[in-house]
């Protein structure tokens, strides 16, 4: 190459003017920004993403909170904490997490929770609608962000999706909040059963077959707090789960030693639902009535110590028990295709009700995951009693109820010689099997979680078709010494609409009739047509 050619090449490479240098500098800066941004995005540490999560939440949801009197500094801090925990992987992306965040923010301002019932300081329905709109705006702002605004980060897309679903959920809650009503007195009554030293208190029982006569659906608001004894495994587990512990003091060291003894060996200290309240709501658009359950959590040790009498608990007498854990259990009466109610006998291995006849499906809502058991949460991450009943049916009877609608019969609370202040969500379900076919499904029940609760004996009880059959069934269960309160409550609630029809809608007459049946001096014989079978295992 000649020297003149080399000089020409050099002159063409280097810019000959200030504009040329400015162009190169601009291109280089853009390239470096893109490289740095891509590197930070791949590492998940993009400060632009954190800013987007924090700022967009503050400008939408935070604006609603401040309009209700929440302090600007406190709201700003809450939005920043939510964004930081999400980026660091310390916060799950679910609707339930968003609801918990609002509940905790409201609680910091000493407002009642859950917000799905009480709102955030104003009229509940209006508050929920405003929050719904804010969450949708939050989702839209995140989706509208461009490259330099962090819009390509997957975490923003995931947060936008959760925000949109939270908005839809809150709008549905707002509709039901418009129609909050009190419990129908006709479906609320108490029955004393002298034969078993048991007192039943039923609420929200269906009073007829027409629209609005009973509960069409259930909803749950979950409070992130758990009743535990201090310095126990349950408290350690509570803190590991990020749940606020609610300490329950023991009376002394003797109680602690007895509690540890009761929990040793085969017994576990799992987490059960604690019923804090129920609210009846009606959606004015659809006319549907639902029962809104407010659930917190309680360690099994707290349930055992505050609900179970004598050696079934920690040695306390019935009048010494407070029922502070407010445990909620679940019951489902399976009704087969050949019109038989399935009743099972509890085994000798259970802590309460051993050897007694019980509803076909009985169990608890799993409030936290444990090995071998699926968590009973809906797609939003909210506890779902329906999923728990489906799981319990598979475990105990080997039957799949996932495609079968549940009929909500009501709520019962009972005191007996074994337990006090235990609440039950009463349900029934049609099963597309005959009684014989269902009994044969016992071989598919869960070896660990299901078979130990029942001894394999099954009663197929014909569904009553007239008032004489209703009276025979009720007289039997109200006077039998070996029926669990769960079974008696469920059978009373199942037949109550037919009884109300016979009494021409006179609730007082129906209640007096039930109480009269329960005070019979001797046990009544079983209704005709009952078949005893054995679950084939």
Protein backbone atom coordinates (compact mmCIF):
# COMPACT_ATOMS: atom_id res chain seq x y z
CA UNK A 1 0.00 0.00 0.00
CA UNK A 2 1.34 3.45 -0.93
CA UNK A 3 1.79 6.08 1.78
CA UNK A 4 -0.81 8.30 0.14
CA UNK A 5 -3.39 5.51 0.32
CA UNK A 6 -2.65 4.84 4.01
CA UNK A 7 -3.04 8.52 4.83
CA UNK A 8 -6.39 8.61 3.02
CA UNK A 9 -7.61 5.59 4.98
CA UNK A 10 -6.64 7.18 8.31
CA UNK A 11 -8.38 10.43 7.41
CA UNK A 12 -11.62 8.56 6.59
CA UNK A 13 -11.61 6.71 9.95
CA UNK A 14 -11.22 9.72 12.22
CA UNK A 15 -13.97 12.34 12.08
CA UNK A 16 -12.91 15.54 10.62
CA UNK A 17 -15.27 17.78 12.57
CA UNK A 18 -16.80 18.31 16.00
CA UNK A 19 -20.17 17.02 14.75
CA UNK A 20 -18.56 13.75 13.85
CA UNK A 21 -17.12 13.36 17.33
CA UNK A 22 -20.50 14.15 18.91
CA UNK A 23 -22.18 11.50 16.75
CA UNK A 24 -19.68 8.85 17.79
CA UNK A 25 -20.04 9.79 21.44
CA UNK A 26 -23.85 9.59 21.23
CA UNK A 27 -23.80 6.20 19.54
CA UNK A 28 -21.34 4.86 22.10
CA UNK A 29 -23.41 6.14 25.03
CA UNK A 30 -26.58 4.55 23.67
CA UNK A 31 -24.74 1.28 23.15
CA UNK A 32 -23.29 1.31 26.69
CA UNK A 33 -26.68 2.12 28.23
CA UNK A 34 -28.21 -0.76 26.33
CA UNK A 35 -25.46 -3.15 27.46
CA UNK A 36 -25.65 -2.06 31.10
CA UNK A 37 -29.46 -2.19 31.07
CA UNK A 38 -29.44 -5.66 29.53
CA UNK A 39 -26.88 -6.87 32.07
CA UNK A 40 -28.89 -5.54 35.00
CA UNK A 41 -32.11 -6.96 33.57
CA UNK A 42 -30.55 -10.39 33.18
CA UNK A 43 -29.32 -10.24 36.77
CA UNK A 44 -32.75 -9.15 38.01
CA UNK A 45 -31.26 -6.08 39.73
CA UNK A 46 -32.48 -3.38 37.41
CA UNK A 47 -33.11 -0.24 39.53
CA UNK A 48 -35.52 0.94 36.86
CA UNK A 49 -37.70 -2.11 37.60
CA UNK A 50 -37.70 -1.36 41.32
CA UNK A 51 -38.62 2.25 40.59
CA UNK A 52 -41.44 1.19 38.28
CA UNK A 53 -42.92 -1.18 40.86
CA UNK A 54 -42.65 1.39 43.64
CA UNK A 55 -43.71 4.50 41.76
CA UNK A 56 -46.61 2.97 39.83
CA UNK A 57 -48.02 1.37 43.00
CA UNK A 58 -47.76 4.67 44.85
CA UNK A 59 -49.43 6.68 42.08
CA UNK A 60 -52.38 4.30 41.78
CA UNK A 61 -53.12 2.24 44.89
CA UNK A 62 -51.26 4.63 47.17
CA UNK A 63 -53.37 7.51 45.90
CA UNK A 64 -56.54 5.70 47.03
CA UNK A 65 -55.02 5.02 50.45
CA UNK A 66 -53.98 8.65 50.98
CA UNK A 67 -57.44 9.81 49.91
CA UNK A 68 -58.80 7.81 52.86
CA UNK A 69 -56.52 9.56 55.34
CA UNK A 70 -53.46 7.34 55.21
CA UNK A 71 -50.26 9.33 55.73
CA UNK A 72 -48.27 10.09 52.58
CA UNK A 73 -44.97 9.08 54.16
CA UNK A 74 -46.41 5.84 55.54
CA UNK A 75 -48.05 4.99 52.22
CA UNK A 76 -44.83 5.76 50.32
CA UNK A 77 -42.91 3.51 52.71
CA UNK A 78 -45.43 0.67 52.33
CA UNK A 79 -45.22 0.88 48.51
CA UNK A 80 -41.42 0.90 48.61
CA UNK A 81 -41.30 -2.10 50.96
CA UNK A 82 -43.67 -4.08 48.73
CA UNK A 83 -41.50 -3.37 45.66
CA UNK A 84 -38.22 -4.21 47.43
CA UNK A 85 -39.52 -7.49 48.85
CA UNK A 86 -40.83 -8.50 45.44
CA UNK A 87 -37.53 -7.80 43.68
CA UNK A 88 -35.63 -9.70 46.40
CA UNK A 89 -37.93 -12.73 46.10
CA UNK A 90 -39.39 -12.25 49.58
CA UNK A 91 -42.95 -11.64 48.38
CA UNK A 92 -45.11 -14.04 46.39
CA UNK A 93 -47.03 -12.79 43.36
CA UNK A 94 -50.63 -13.73 44.18
CA UNK A 95 -53.93 -11.98 44.75
CA UNK A 96 -53.81 -13.24 48.35
CA UNK A 97 -50.48 -11.46 48.89
CA UNK A 98 -51.95 -8.19 47.61
CA UNK A 99 -54.93 -8.55 49.95
CA UNK A 100 -52.60 -9.26 52.85
CA UNK A 101 -50.57 -6.14 51.99
CA UNK A 102 -53.67 -3.94 52.11
CA UNK A 103 -54.89 -5.63 55.32
CA UNK A 104 -51.54 -5.03 57.05
CA UNK A 105 -51.44 -1.43 55.85
CA UNK A 106 -54.97 -0.90 57.18
CA UNK A 107 -54.10 -2.55 60.47
CA UNK A 108 -51.14 -0.18 60.88
CA UNK A 109 -53.73 2.60 60.76
CA UNK A 110 -55.89 0.77 63.32
CA UNK A 111 -58.62 0.14 60.79
CA UNK A 112 -60.72 -3.05 60.92
CA UNK A 113 -59.64 -5.90 58.69
CA UNK A 114 -60.28 -7.71 56.41
CA UNK A 115 -60.73 -4.98 53.84
CA UNK A 116 -63.03 -7.21 51.74
CA UNK A 117 -65.64 -6.65 54.47
CA UNK A 118 -64.76 -3.31 56.05
CA UNK A 119 -63.07 -1.30 53.30
CA UNK A 120 -60.22 1.08 54.12
CA UNK A 121 -61.92 3.80 56.11
CA UNK A 122 -64.94 4.69 53.98
CA UNK A 123 -68.04 2.86 52.79
CA UNK A 124 -66.86 -0.71 52.05
CA UNK A 125 -68.39 -1.11 48.60
CA UNK A 126 -67.08 2.29 47.43
CA UNK A 127 -63.62 1.57 48.87
CA UNK A 128 -63.42 -1.79 47.14
CA UNK A 129 -64.50 -0.32 43.81
CA UNK A 130 -61.88 2.44 44.07
CA UNK A 131 -59.19 -0.08 44.96
CA UNK A 132 -60.30 -2.26 42.05
CA UNK A 133 -59.92 0.65 39.62
CA UNK A 134 -56.54 1.52 41.16
CA UNK A 135 -55.23 -2.02 40.73
CA UNK A 136 -56.33 -2.06 37.10
CA UNK A 137 -54.55 1.27 36.58
CA UNK A 138 -51.45 -0.18 38.26
CA UNK A 139 -51.52 -3.10 35.83
CA UNK A 140 -51.98 -0.76 32.84
CA UNK A 141 -49.05 1.48 33.84
CA UNK A 142 -46.74 -1.51 34.19
CA UNK A 143 -47.78 -2.93 30.83
CA UNK A 144 -47.31 0.47 29.12
CA UNK A 145 -43.67 0.86 30.15
CA UNK A 146 -41.09 0.76 27.37
CA UNK A 147 -37.60 -0.74 27.24
CA UNK A 148 -35.82 1.95 29.23
CA UNK A 149 -38.69 2.00 31.72
CA UNK A 150 -38.10 -1.66 32.56
CA UNK A 151 -41.12 -2.78 30.57
CA UNK A 152 -39.41 -5.90 29.22
CA UNK A 153 -38.64 -7.30 32.68
CA UNK A 154 -40.67 -10.49 33.33
CA UNK A 155 -41.34 -9.47 36.92
CA UNK A 156 -43.27 -6.41 35.72
CA UNK A 157 -45.41 -8.54 33.45
CA UNK A 158 -46.14 -10.94 36.32
CA UNK A 159 -46.98 -8.09 38.70
CA UNK A 160 -49.24 -6.54 36.07
CA UNK A 161 -51.12 -9.83 35.67
CA UNK A 162 -51.60 -10.18 39.44
CA UNK A 163 -52.68 -6.55 39.73
CA UNK A 164 -55.31 -7.04 37.01
CA UNK A 165 -56.65 -10.18 38.71
CA UNK A 166 -56.68 -8.39 42.08
CA UNK A 167 -58.75 -5.64 40.50
CA UNK A 168 -61.27 -8.17 39.22
CA UNK A 169 -61.42 -9.89 42.62
CA UNK A 170 -61.99 -6.62 44.48
CA UNK A 171 -64.79 -5.60 42.11
CA UNK A 172 -66.57 -8.90 42.81
CA UNK A 173 -66.16 -8.25 46.54
CA UNK A 174 -67.58 -4.75 46.07
CA UNK A 175 -70.75 -6.15 44.50
CA UNK A 176 -71.37 -8.46 47.45
CA UNK A 177 -70.46 -5.69 49.92
CA UNK A 178 -73.45 -3.73 48.59
CA UNK A 179 -75.76 -6.44 49.89
CA UNK A 180 -74.40 -7.26 53.36
CA UNK A 181 -77.26 -8.58 55.48
CA UNK A 182 -77.80 -10.13 58.88
CA UNK A 183 -78.40 -13.83 59.39
CA UNK A 184 -82.01 -14.91 58.85
CA UNK A 185 -83.43 -15.62 62.31
CA UNK A 186 -85.58 -18.39 60.85
CA UNK A 187 -82.41 -20.34 60.02
CA UNK A 188 -80.72 -19.74 63.41
CA UNK A 189 -81.64 -21.87 66.43
CA UNK A 190 -80.24 -23.92 69.31
CA UNK A 191 -80.99 -27.51 70.30
CA UNK A 192 -80.06 -29.21 73.54
CA UNK A 193 -79.47 -32.99 73.42
CA UNK A 194 -79.63 -34.36 76.98
CA UNK A 195 -78.73 -37.91 75.90
CA UNK A 196 -75.25 -36.74 74.88
CA UNK A 197 -74.83 -33.65 77.12
CA UNK A 198 -74.55 -31.71 73.88
CA UNK A 199 -75.70 -28.26 72.84
CA UNK A 200 -76.01 -27.40 69.13
CA UNK A 201 -76.25 -23.85 67.76
CA UNK A 202 -77.05 -23.66 64.05
CA UNK A 203 -76.91 -20.55 61.84
CA UNK A 204 -77.43 -19.69 58.17
CA UNK A 205 -79.44 -22.88 57.65
CA UNK A 206 -81.45 -23.04 54.42
CA UNK A 207 -85.12 -22.40 55.17
CA UNK A 208 -86.61 -23.38 51.80
CA UNK A 209 -85.90 -24.41 48.24
CA UNK A 210 -86.49 -21.05 46.55
CA UNK A 211 -83.93 -18.34 45.62
CA UNK A 212 -82.47 -16.50 48.57
CA UNK A 213 -83.64 -19.16 51.03
CA UNK A 214 -80.14 -20.35 51.89
CA UNK A 215 -76.44 -19.95 51.13
CA UNK A 216 -75.46 -20.30 47.47
CA UNK A 217 -71.70 -19.88 47.83
CA UNK A 218 -68.92 -19.21 50.32
CA UNK A 219 -66.02 -16.75 50.35
CA UNK A 220 -63.01 -16.47 52.64
CA UNK A 221 -60.99 -13.55 53.96
CA UNK A 222 -57.71 -14.77 55.43
CA UNK A 223 -56.07 -12.96 58.34
CA UNK A 224 -52.34 -13.67 58.55
CA UNK A 225 -52.16 -14.40 62.27
CA UNK A 226 -51.86 -17.67 64.16
CA UNK A 227 -52.74 -18.63 67.73
CA UNK A 228 -49.79 -20.52 69.30
CA UNK A 229 -48.22 -21.30 72.64
CA UNK A 230 -44.97 -19.39 73.30
CA UNK A 231 -41.61 -21.16 72.98
CA UNK A 232 -43.03 -24.15 71.11
CA UNK A 233 -42.45 -25.70 67.70
CA UNK A 234 -45.68 -24.05 66.54
CA UNK A 235 -44.31 -20.59 67.31
CA UNK A 236 -41.06 -21.35 65.47
CA UNK A 237 -43.06 -22.54 62.48
CA UNK A 238 -45.21 -19.44 62.66
CA UNK A 239 -42.24 -17.09 62.42
CA UNK A 240 -40.71 -19.12 59.60
CA UNK A 241 -43.97 -18.71 57.67
CA UNK A 242 -43.96 -14.94 58.17
CA UNK A 243 -47.25 -15.14 60.09
CA UNK A 244 -47.93 -12.93 63.11
CA UNK A 245 -48.00 -15.14 66.25
CA UNK A 246 -50.83 -14.62 68.73
CA UNK A 247 -49.44 -15.96 72.04
CA UNK A 248 -51.72 -18.11 74.17
CA UNK A 249 -50.31 -18.43 77.71
CA UNK A 250 -50.20 -21.73 79.55
CA UNK A 251 -51.18 -21.84 83.22
CA UNK A 252 -47.89 -23.37 84.36
CA UNK A 253 -45.04 -25.75 83.71
CA UNK A 254 -47.29 -28.74 84.37
CA UNK A 255 -49.52 -27.69 81.49
CA UNK A 256 -46.49 -27.37 79.22
CA UNK A 257 -45.22 -30.85 80.07
CA UNK A 258 -48.69 -32.33 79.54
CA UNK A 259 -49.01 -30.52 76.22
CA UNK A 260 -45.67 -31.91 75.02
CA UNK A 261 -46.76 -35.39 76.10
CA UNK A 262 -50.05 -35.13 74.19
CA UNK A 263 -48.23 -34.01 71.03
CA UNK A 264 -45.62 -36.75 71.14
CA UNK A 265 -45.66 -39.86 68.98
CA UNK A 266 -48.43 -40.07 66.39
CA UNK A 267 -49.90 -36.62 67.00
CA UNK A 268 -48.86 -33.60 64.98
CA UNK A 269 -48.92 -29.85 65.58
CA UNK A 270 -50.32 -28.70 62.26
CA UNK A 271 -52.20 -25.51 61.42
CA UNK A 272 -56.01 -25.37 61.46
CA UNK A 273 -58.49 -22.62 60.55
CA UNK A 274 -59.75 -20.29 63.26
CA UNK A 275 -63.20 -18.83 62.56
CA UNK A 276 -63.24 -15.13 63.51
CA UNK A 277 -66.64 -14.34 62.07
CA UNK A 278 -69.27 -14.89 59.38
CA UNK A 279 -71.13 -12.34 57.25
CA UNK A 280 -74.09 -13.04 55.01
CA UNK A 281 -73.93 -11.13 51.70
CA UNK A 282 -76.15 -10.84 48.63
CA UNK A 283 -74.97 -9.77 45.18
CA UNK A 284 -77.64 -7.33 43.92
CA UNK A 285 -76.76 -8.09 40.30
CA UNK A 286 -77.21 -11.88 40.45
CA UNK A 287 -79.26 -12.35 43.61
CA UNK A 288 -76.78 -14.94 44.87
CA UNK A 289 -76.33 -15.20 48.64
CA UNK A 290 -72.97 -16.16 50.00
CA UNK A 291 -71.47 -16.74 53.42
CA UNK A 292 -68.26 -14.78 53.93
CA UNK A 293 -65.95 -16.52 56.41
CA UNK A 294 -63.21 -14.61 58.20
CA UNK A 295 -60.45 -17.13 58.94
CA UNK A 296 -57.24 -16.79 60.89
CA UNK A 297 -55.05 -19.72 61.97
CA UNK A 298 -54.50 -21.80 65.10
CA UNK A 299 -51.88 -24.40 65.91
CA UNK A 300 -53.31 -27.85 66.63
CA UNK A 301 -51.81 -27.63 70.14
CA UNK A 302 -53.84 -24.46 70.77
CA UNK A 303 -56.99 -26.19 69.52
CA UNK A 304 -56.41 -29.23 71.68
CA UNK A 305 -55.68 -27.20 74.81
CA UNK A 306 -58.61 -24.77 74.49
CA UNK A 307 -61.32 -27.05 73.02
CA UNK A 308 -60.76 -30.65 74.19
CA UNK A 309 -62.04 -31.86 77.55
CA UNK A 310 -59.91 -33.79 80.06
CA UNK A 311 -57.37 -36.30 78.75
CA UNK A 312 -58.38 -35.46 75.19
CA UNK A 313 -56.71 -32.10 75.79
CA UNK A 314 -54.41 -31.05 78.62
CA UNK A 315 -56.58 -32.16 81.52
CA UNK A 316 -58.93 -29.19 81.82
CA UNK A 317 -62.55 -29.56 82.79
CA UNK A 318 -65.29 -28.57 80.38
CA UNK A 319 -66.07 -25.38 82.32
CA UNK A 320 -62.39 -24.39 82.26
CA UNK A 321 -62.08 -24.41 78.47
CA UNK A 322 -62.27 -21.09 76.65
CA UNK A 323 -62.52 -22.26 73.05
CA UNK A 324 -60.07 -19.45 72.25
CA UNK A 325 -58.74 -21.19 69.14
CA UNK A 326 -62.22 -20.94 67.52
CA UNK A 327 -61.47 -23.95 65.37
CA UNK A 328 -63.54 -24.54 62.22
CA UNK A 329 -64.01 -28.10 60.94
CA UNK A 330 -65.60 -29.24 57.67
CA UNK A 331 -68.35 -31.80 57.14
CA UNK A 332 -69.96 -33.12 53.97
CA UNK A 333 -72.91 -35.51 53.68
CA UNK A 334 -72.48 -37.58 50.49
CA UNK A 335 -75.81 -38.43 48.83
CA UNK A 336 -75.53 -41.27 46.31
CA UNK A 337 -77.31 -41.72 42.99
CA UNK A 338 -79.68 -44.26 44.59
CA UNK A 339 -80.76 -41.64 47.20
CA UNK A 340 -78.70 -42.87 50.15
CA UNK A 341 -76.97 -40.67 52.74
CA UNK A 342 -73.53 -42.08 53.57
CA UNK A 343 -72.62 -42.29 57.25
CA UNK A 344 -69.32 -43.76 58.51
CA UNK A 345 -68.11 -44.97 61.89
CA UNK A 346 -65.02 -43.37 63.37
CA UNK A 347 -62.18 -45.65 64.39
CA UNK A 348 -60.65 -46.14 67.82
CA UNK A 349 -57.52 -44.22 66.72
CA UNK A 350 -59.04 -40.74 66.62
CA UNK A 351 -58.82 -38.34 69.55
CA UNK A 352 -62.51 -37.39 69.66
CA UNK A 353 -65.68 -39.23 68.65
CA UNK A 354 -64.06 -42.66 68.58
CA UNK A 355 -66.56 -45.39 67.74
CA UNK A 356 -69.29 -42.87 66.91
CA UNK A 357 -71.22 -42.49 63.66
CA UNK A 358 -70.15 -39.47 61.64
CA UNK A 359 -70.75 -37.75 58.32
CA UNK A 360 -69.20 -39.45 55.29
CA UNK A 361 -66.56 -36.74 54.87
CA UNK A 362 -65.12 -34.89 57.83
CA UNK A 363 -61.87 -32.97 58.13
CA UNK A 364 -60.00 -29.69 58.23
CA UNK A 365 -58.84 -26.96 55.93
CA UNK A 366 -55.06 -27.16 55.43
CA UNK A 367 -53.88 -23.62 56.22
CA UNK A 368 -50.20 -24.28 55.45
CA UNK A 369 -48.39 -26.88 53.34
CA UNK A 370 -47.11 -30.02 55.00
CA UNK A 371 -45.47 -33.09 53.57
CA UNK A 372 -47.87 -35.35 51.71
CA UNK A 373 -50.80 -32.90 51.84
CA UNK A 374 -51.75 -30.37 49.22
CA UNK A 375 -52.48 -26.82 50.33
CA UNK A 376 -56.20 -25.99 50.18
CA UNK A 377 -55.87 -22.69 48.28
CA UNK A 378 -57.72 -21.42 45.22
CA UNK A 379 -55.90 -19.94 42.15
CA UNK A 380 -55.75 -16.58 43.97
CA UNK A 381 -53.88 -18.18 46.91
CA UNK A 382 -56.89 -17.81 49.25
CA UNK A 383 -57.95 -20.70 51.56
CA UNK A 384 -60.82 -22.64 49.96
CA UNK A 385 -63.00 -24.97 52.07
CA UNK A 386 -64.42 -26.57 48.91
CA UNK A 387 -60.98 -27.80 47.87
CA UNK A 388 -60.46 -29.16 51.38
CA UNK A 389 -63.70 -31.16 51.20
CA UNK A 390 -62.71 -32.58 47.81
CA UNK A 391 -59.33 -33.61 49.24
CA UNK A 392 -60.87 -35.16 52.37
CA UNK A 393 -63.37 -37.13 50.26
CA UNK A 394 -60.53 -38.60 48.20
CA UNK A 395 -58.54 -39.42 51.34
CA UNK A 396 -61.37 -40.98 53.37
CA UNK A 397 -63.71 -42.49 50.78
CA UNK A 398 -61.56 -42.74 47.65
CA UNK A 399 -64.16 -40.63 45.82
CA UNK A 400 -63.52 -37.70 43.45
CA UNK A 401 -65.90 -34.80 44.16
CA UNK A 402 -63.99 -32.18 42.17
CA UNK A 403 -66.70 -31.95 39.48
CA UNK A 404 -69.67 -32.10 41.89
CA UNK A 405 -71.29 -28.91 43.26
CA UNK A 406 -71.41 -28.54 47.03
CA UNK A 407 -74.61 -27.53 48.78
CA UNK A 408 -73.95 -25.21 51.72
CA UNK A 409 -76.19 -26.35 54.59
CA UNK A 410 -75.08 -23.79 57.17
CA UNK A 411 -72.82 -23.34 60.18
CA UNK A 412 -73.05 -25.24 63.47
CA UNK A 413 -71.25 -24.76 66.75
CA UNK A 414 -71.44 -27.35 69.51
CA UNK A 415 -70.45 -28.07 73.09
CA UNK A 416 -70.26 -31.74 74.11
CA UNK A 417 -68.74 -33.87 76.83
CA UNK A 418 -65.60 -34.16 74.65
CA UNK A 419 -65.20 -30.73 73.00
CA UNK A 420 -66.45 -27.16 73.41
CA UNK A 421 -67.06 -24.25 71.02
CA UNK A 422 -66.21 -26.22 67.88
CA UNK A 423 -67.62 -24.72 64.66
CA UNK A 424 -68.56 -26.79 61.60
CA UNK A 425 -69.15 -25.75 58.01
CA UNK A 426 -71.98 -28.06 56.99
CA UNK A 427 -72.27 -29.16 53.36
CA UNK A 428 -73.80 -31.93 51.24
CA UNK A 429 -72.84 -33.27 47.84
CA UNK A 430 -74.40 -35.50 45.20
CA UNK A 431 -72.14 -38.42 44.27
CA UNK A 432 -72.59 -40.14 40.85
CA UNK A 433 -72.25 -43.59 42.45
CA UNK A 434 -74.61 -45.98 44.18
CA UNK A 435 -74.07 -46.68 47.86
CA UNK A 436 -72.58 -50.10 47.04
CA UNK A 437 -70.24 -48.58 44.46
CA UNK A 438 -69.14 -45.91 46.92
CA UNK A 439 -68.40 -48.52 49.59
CA UNK A 440 -66.25 -50.40 47.09
CA UNK A 441 -64.20 -47.23 46.52
CA UNK A 442 -62.82 -47.58 50.04
CA UNK A 443 -59.90 -49.54 48.67
CA UNK A 444 -58.68 -46.31 47.05
CA UNK A 445 -58.74 -44.23 50.24
CA UNK A 446 -55.47 -42.75 51.48
CA UNK A 447 -53.51 -45.19 53.62
CA UNK A 448 -52.00 -42.47 55.83
CA UNK A 449 -54.51 -39.63 55.90
CA UNK A 450 -57.84 -41.40 55.45
CA UNK A 451 -58.14 -45.00 56.57
CA UNK A 452 -57.20 -44.47 60.20
CA UNK A 453 -60.17 -42.13 60.78
CA UNK A 454 -62.84 -44.72 59.93
CA UNK A 455 -63.07 -48.37 60.92
CA UNK A 456 -64.64 -49.31 57.57
CA UNK A 457 -68.27 -49.53 58.69
CA UNK A 458 -70.74 -47.61 56.51
CA UNK A 459 -74.45 -46.91 56.88
CA UNK A 460 -76.54 -46.16 53.81
CA UNK A 461 -79.47 -44.09 55.12
CA UNK A 462 -82.38 -43.51 52.71
CA UNK A 463 -83.12 -39.85 51.93
CA UNK A 464 -86.57 -39.18 53.47
CA UNK A 465 -89.29 -38.53 50.91
CA UNK A 466 -92.09 -37.38 53.24
CA UNK A 467 -92.52 -35.75 56.63
CA UNK A 468 -92.84 -39.14 58.33
CA UNK A 469 -89.39 -40.07 57.02
CA UNK A 470 -88.01 -36.70 58.12
CA UNK A 471 -89.37 -37.21 61.64
CA UNK A 472 -87.96 -40.73 61.85
CA UNK A 473 -84.51 -39.55 60.72
CA UNK A 474 -84.45 -36.57 63.08
CA UNK A 475 -85.74 -38.51 66.08
CA UNK A 476 -83.03 -41.13 65.49
CA UNK A 477 -80.09 -38.71 65.24
CA UNK A 478 -81.28 -36.41 68.06
CA UNK A 479 -81.56 -39.26 70.57
CA UNK A 480 -78.80 -41.65 69.47
CA UNK A 481 -75.97 -41.79 72.04
CA UNK A 482 -73.37 -42.68 69.39
CA UNK A 483 -73.85 -39.88 66.84
CA UNK A 484 -71.21 -37.17 66.47
CA UNK A 485 -72.49 -33.58 66.73
CA UNK A 486 -71.28 -33.11 63.14
CA UNK A 487 -73.67 -35.81 61.92
CA UNK A 488 -76.66 -34.60 63.91
CA UNK A 489 -76.08 -30.99 62.81
CA UNK A 490 -75.79 -31.99 59.14
CA UNK A 491 -78.93 -34.16 59.17
CA UNK A 492 -80.93 -31.42 60.89
CA UNK A 493 -79.74 -28.81 58.37
CA UNK A 494 -80.37 -31.15 55.42
CA UNK A 495 -84.00 -31.81 56.37
CA UNK A 496 -84.81 -28.36 57.78
CA UNK A 497 -86.36 -26.95 54.53
CA UNK A 498 -88.80 -29.89 54.41
CA UNK A 499 -89.63 -29.36 58.08
CA UNK A 500 -90.25 -25.63 57.49
CA UNK A 501 -92.56 -26.51 54.62
CA UNK A 502 -94.54 -28.82 56.88
CA UNK A 503 -94.78 -26.05 59.50
CA UNK A 504 -96.01 -23.57 56.88
CA UNK A 505 -92.92 -21.43 57.35
CA UNK A 506 -93.38 -21.06 61.11
CA UNK A 507 -89.78 -21.12 62.34
CA UNK A 508 -90.71 -21.06 66.04
CA UNK A 509 -92.88 -24.15 65.58
CA UNK A 510 -90.08 -25.92 63.73
CA UNK A 511 -87.57 -25.08 66.46
CA UNK A 512 -89.92 -26.26 69.22
CA UNK A 513 -90.54 -29.46 67.29
CA UNK A 514 -86.80 -30.20 67.04
CA UNK A 515 -86.26 -29.52 70.73
CA UNK A 516 -89.13 -31.80 71.64
CA UNK A 517 -87.66 -34.65 69.58
CA UNK A 518 -84.26 -34.16 71.23
CA UNK A 519 -85.66 -34.54 74.75
CA UNK A 520 -87.06 -38.05 74.25
CA UNK A 521 -86.31 -40.21 77.25
CA UNK A 522 -84.87 -43.13 75.26
CA UNK A 523 -83.05 -43.62 71.96
CA UNK A 524 -85.26 -43.98 68.92
CA UNK A 525 -84.77 -46.84 66.44
CA UNK A 526 -83.04 -46.15 63.12
CA UNK A 527 -85.25 -45.19 60.17
CA UNK A 528 -86.44 -48.14 58.06
CA UNK A 529 -84.36 -49.16 55.09
CA UNK A 530 -80.90 -48.50 56.52
CA UNK A 531 -78.22 -50.79 55.11
CA UNK A 532 -74.95 -51.45 56.90
CA UNK A 533 -71.97 -52.14 54.65
CA UNK A 534 -68.23 -52.49 54.96
CA UNK A 535 -65.82 -50.42 52.96
CA UNK A 536 -63.70 -52.92 50.99
CA UNK A 537 -60.07 -52.34 51.76
